[in-house]
Amino acid sequence: MLERLVTGRRRLLVVQQKHWSEILVGYETRNRFELCDEEGALLGTALEEGGGMLRWVGRQLLGRCRKATVHLLDPTGAEFARIEKPFRWYFQEATLHDGERAVGRVARRFSLLRDRFTVQDLSGRDLLEIERGFFDHFRFRGTFRVRLNGLEVALIRKEWRGLIAEAFTDADTFGVEFTEESLDVDVRKLLVAAVFLIDFTCFENNRGRGVVGLPFGND
């Protein structure tokens, strides 16, 4: 299922479904997403594991640092993949499992002025670099450029409509665009996992409670 999700497709949208307690009060609830094609057709869902008081307290106190598991489900509700994120203070990482097979991981890298991640195989070898520039922190959008040996092969984007719209909406929209058609299918799968790690790491603790426009306009 995950292979069908990324093969022969140029763009994939990941739309977060917000709970009103997040929008109005600011409490963090467990993440829920819809996976859609660029026309908005539903391809699947993603749900962060766990309810209960302890996990709720962990979300409030630990935020992006917390341990988390995100389950990817097909439209019938059957799980086809999962993303495992261990507890980390700074160097967050996420491992993707396609069924029972571990595919690889996405890891945050240290940088003072940029947001940097690497996509790795199971041996820890870097396959791709993902980077968001310094000035994107101060623009109402986020563009993460994915490079292979210095060449751009994909984009991960999030854009804001503005503060007013953000205050009264129930969804954020992320997108991954595969600009290199020959990109390996496992690498494409790992870029889907990267979307979720980027959301945890770069947006969860300071999200604007807002909508994000379709992420594939001109930069």
Protein backbone atom coordinates (compact mmCIF):
# COMPACT_ATOMS: atom_id res chain seq x y z
CA MET A 1 0.00 0.00 0.00
CA LEU A 2 2.77 2.48 0.87
CA GLU A 3 4.50 1.72 -2.42
CA ARG A 4 1.28 2.46 -4.32
CA LEU A 5 0.95 5.69 -2.35
CA VAL A 6 4.24 7.10 -3.65
CA THR A 7 4.79 5.36 -7.01
CA GLY A 8 3.80 7.23 -10.15
CA ARG A 9 2.74 10.24 -8.13
CA ARG A 10 4.34 13.68 -8.26
CA ARG A 11 2.65 15.18 -5.20
CA LEU A 12 1.17 13.90 -1.95
CA LEU A 13 -0.69 16.00 0.61
CA VAL A 14 -0.72 15.38 4.37
CA VAL A 15 -3.62 17.28 5.97
CA GLN A 16 -3.71 17.56 9.74
CA GLN A 17 -7.09 17.33 11.45
CA LYS A 18 -7.19 19.61 14.50
CA HIS A 19 -9.29 19.24 17.61
CA TRP A 20 -11.11 22.36 18.80
CA SER A 21 -9.29 22.19 22.17
CA GLU A 22 -6.07 22.85 20.23
CA ILE A 23 -7.55 25.71 18.24
CA LEU A 24 -9.32 27.53 21.07
CA VAL A 25 -7.37 26.61 24.21
CA GLY A 26 -3.95 25.47 23.00
CA TYR A 27 -3.93 21.96 24.46
CA GLU A 28 -2.02 19.46 22.35
CA THR A 29 -4.10 16.44 21.32
CA ARG A 30 -2.78 13.38 19.52
CA ASN A 31 -2.07 14.04 15.87
CA ARG A 32 -4.51 12.96 13.16
CA PHE A 33 -3.89 13.34 9.43
CA GLU A 34 -5.47 12.57 6.07
CA LEU A 35 -3.29 11.45 3.16
CA CYS A 36 -4.60 12.89 -0.11
CA ASP A 37 -3.59 13.23 -3.73
CA GLU A 38 -3.15 16.69 -5.22
CA GLU A 39 -6.85 16.80 -6.13
CA GLY A 40 -7.80 16.23 -2.49
CA ALA A 41 -8.98 12.63 -2.91
CA LEU A 42 -8.51 10.59 0.26
CA LEU A 43 -5.81 7.91 0.01
CA GLY A 44 -5.47 6.99 3.66
CA THR A 45 -5.16 8.33 7.18
CA ALA A 46 -2.43 8.63 9.81
CA LEU A 47 -3.09 8.53 13.54
CA GLU A 48 -0.75 9.06 16.46
CA GLU A 49 -1.01 6.18 18.88
CA GLY A 50 -2.26 6.57 22.37
CA GLY A 51 -4.89 8.04 24.57
CA GLY A 52 -5.10 8.17 28.33
CA MET A 53 -3.96 10.67 30.90
CA LEU A 54 -0.25 9.80 30.93
CA ARG A 55 0.13 10.26 27.20
CA TRP A 56 -1.90 13.48 27.35
CA VAL A 57 0.40 14.84 30.08
CA GLY A 58 3.41 13.79 28.02
CA ARG A 59 2.15 15.76 25.03
CA GLN A 60 1.68 18.89 27.18
CA LEU A 61 5.02 18.66 29.01
CA LEU A 62 7.35 17.12 26.42
CA GLY A 63 5.82 18.39 23.18
CA ARG A 64 8.06 17.63 20.20
CA CYS A 65 10.52 15.66 22.36
CA ARG A 66 8.05 12.94 23.31
CA LYS A 67 8.06 9.36 22.14
CA ALA A 68 5.39 8.77 19.50
CA THR A 69 4.11 6.18 17.06
CA VAL A 70 2.12 7.20 13.97
CA HIS A 71 0.05 4.48 12.26
CA LEU A 72 -0.69 4.80 8.53
CA LEU A 73 -4.06 3.28 7.59
CA ASP A 74 -5.73 2.60 4.27
CA PRO A 75 -9.29 3.89 3.64
CA THR A 76 -10.73 0.72 5.23
CA GLY A 77 -8.79 1.32 8.46
CA ALA A 78 -6.19 -1.41 7.93
CA GLU A 79 -2.65 -0.49 8.94
CA PHE A 80 -0.03 -0.67 6.19
CA ALA A 81 2.90 1.24 7.74
CA ARG A 82 3.99 2.95 10.93
CA ILE A 83 6.48 5.59 12.00
CA GLU A 84 8.32 5.18 15.31
CA LYS A 85 9.77 8.30 16.97
CA PRO A 86 11.79 7.76 20.20
CA PHE A 87 12.14 10.34 22.96
CA ARG A 88 14.83 12.91 22.12
CA TRP A 89 15.55 16.39 23.49
CA TYR A 90 17.03 17.74 20.25
CA PHE A 91 18.21 15.11 17.79
CA GLN A 92 14.76 13.79 16.92
CA GLU A 93 14.53 10.87 14.53
CA ALA A 94 11.84 8.65 13.06
CA THR A 95 12.06 5.10 11.71
CA LEU A 96 9.65 3.96 9.00
CA HIS A 97 8.22 0.44 8.94
CA ASP A 98 6.47 -0.69 5.76
CA GLY A 99 4.42 -3.55 7.12
CA GLU A 100 6.93 -5.51 9.20
CA ARG A 101 9.94 -4.31 7.18
CA ALA A 102 12.03 -1.44 8.52
CA VAL A 103 12.82 0.85 5.57
CA GLY A 104 15.14 3.47 7.08
CA ARG A 105 15.05 6.59 9.18
CA VAL A 106 14.95 10.37 9.09
CA ALA A 107 17.14 12.21 11.60
CA ARG A 108 17.49 15.82 12.68
CA ARG A 109 20.96 17.36 12.43
CA PHE A 110 22.44 20.20 14.45
CA SER A 111 22.42 23.65 12.87
CA LEU A 112 22.32 27.12 14.40
CA LEU A 113 20.72 28.96 11.49
CA ARG A 114 18.87 26.30 9.49
CA ASP A 115 16.60 23.30 10.00
CA ARG A 116 18.52 20.25 8.77
CA PHE A 117 17.60 16.58 8.46
CA THR A 118 19.06 13.55 6.74
CA VAL A 119 17.34 10.52 5.25
CA GLN A 120 19.26 7.36 6.10
CA ASP A 121 19.19 3.68 5.30
CA LEU A 122 19.17 1.12 8.11
CA SER A 123 22.98 1.10 8.34
CA GLY A 124 22.96 4.84 9.08
CA ARG A 125 24.29 5.86 5.66
CA ASP A 126 23.00 9.25 4.56
CA LEU A 127 20.90 9.08 1.39
CA LEU A 128 19.43 12.59 1.20
CA GLU A 129 19.76 15.96 2.90
CA ILE A 130 16.70 18.05 3.85
CA GLU A 131 17.13 21.72 4.69
CA ARG A 132 15.00 24.78 5.41
CA GLY A 133 16.73 28.15 5.06
CA PHE A 134 17.09 30.67 7.89
CA PHE A 135 14.71 33.26 6.45
CA ASP A 136 11.86 30.77 6.12
CA HIS A 137 11.52 31.08 9.90
CA PHE A 138 10.31 34.64 9.35
CA ARG A 139 8.14 34.09 6.26
CA PHE A 140 4.61 32.74 6.40
CA ARG A 141 5.59 29.40 4.93
CA GLY A 142 8.12 26.63 5.23
CA THR A 143 9.98 25.12 2.27
CA PHE A 144 12.31 22.20 2.93
CA ARG A 145 14.57 21.35 0.01
CA VAL A 146 15.58 17.74 -0.46
CA ARG A 147 18.96 17.18 -2.12
CA LEU A 148 20.86 14.18 -3.40
CA ASN A 149 24.57 14.90 -3.89
CA GLY A 150 23.74 18.60 -3.99
CA LEU A 151 20.95 18.27 -6.57
CA GLU A 152 17.35 19.06 -5.61
CA VAL A 153 15.16 15.96 -6.02
CA ALA A 154 12.08 16.81 -3.90
CA LEU A 155 10.39 19.52 -1.85
CA ILE A 156 8.44 19.41 1.40
CA ARG A 157 6.30 22.50 1.87
CA LYS A 158 3.98 24.14 4.34
CA GLU A 159 2.41 27.56 3.79
CA TRP A 160 0.22 29.87 5.87
CA ARG A 161 -2.75 31.95 4.70
CA GLY A 162 -2.21 34.45 7.49
CA LEU A 163 -2.81 34.92 11.18
CA ILE A 164 -6.55 35.56 10.95
CA ALA A 165 -7.18 32.44 8.89
CA GLU A 166 -4.94 30.41 11.18
CA ALA A 167 -6.96 31.30 14.25
CA PHE A 168 -10.22 29.83 12.91
CA THR A 169 -9.31 26.70 11.02
CA ASP A 170 -9.03 23.02 11.84
CA ALA A 171 -6.29 21.78 9.52
CA ASP A 172 -2.67 22.25 8.49
CA THR A 173 -1.60 21.04 5.06
CA PHE A 174 1.85 19.74 4.24
CA GLY A 175 2.97 18.39 0.93
CA VAL A 176 5.81 16.42 -0.57
CA GLU A 177 6.63 16.95 -4.23
CA PHE A 178 8.87 14.46 -6.02
CA THR A 179 10.70 16.57 -8.59
CA GLU A 180 13.01 13.73 -9.68
CA GLU A 181 11.07 10.91 -11.35
CA SER A 182 13.86 8.35 -10.94
CA LEU A 183 13.91 8.68 -7.14
CA ASP A 184 14.05 5.23 -5.51
CA VAL A 185 10.72 4.00 -4.14
CA ASP A 186 12.11 3.41 -0.63
CA VAL A 187 13.50 6.94 -0.59
CA ARG A 188 10.06 8.23 -1.59
CA LYS A 189 8.55 6.30 1.31
CA LEU A 190 11.07 7.83 3.71
CA LEU A 191 10.17 11.33 2.52
CA VAL A 192 6.59 10.65 3.65
CA ALA A 193 8.00 9.83 7.09
CA ALA A 194 10.04 13.04 6.90
CA VAL A 195 6.83 15.08 6.62
CA PHE A 196 5.69 13.79 10.01
CA LEU A 197 9.07 14.31 11.70
CA ILE A 198 9.25 17.87 10.32
CA ASP A 199 5.80 18.57 11.74
CA PHE A 200 6.81 17.24 15.16
CA THR A 201 10.14 19.05 15.18
CA CYS A 202 9.56 22.39 13.48
CA PHE A 203 5.88 23.20 13.99
CA GLU A 204 4.26 21.34 16.85
CA ASN A 205 5.45 23.46 19.80
CA ASN A 206 4.84 26.76 18.05
CA ARG A 207 2.18 26.04 15.44
CA GLY A 208 -0.09 28.92 14.62
CA ARG A 209 -3.21 26.79 15.02
CA GLY A 210 -3.68 27.47 11.37
CA VAL A 211 -4.50 26.38 7.92
CA VAL A 212 -1.82 25.89 5.43
CA GLY A 213 -2.54 26.51 1.80
CA LEU A 214 -1.83 23.95 -0.89
CA PRO A 215 1.91 23.67 -0.69
CA PHE A 216 2.90 23.62 -4.33
CA GLY A 217 2.77 27.22 -5.48
CA ASN A 218 5.77 29.08 -6.85
CA ASP A 219 8.42 29.73 -4.23
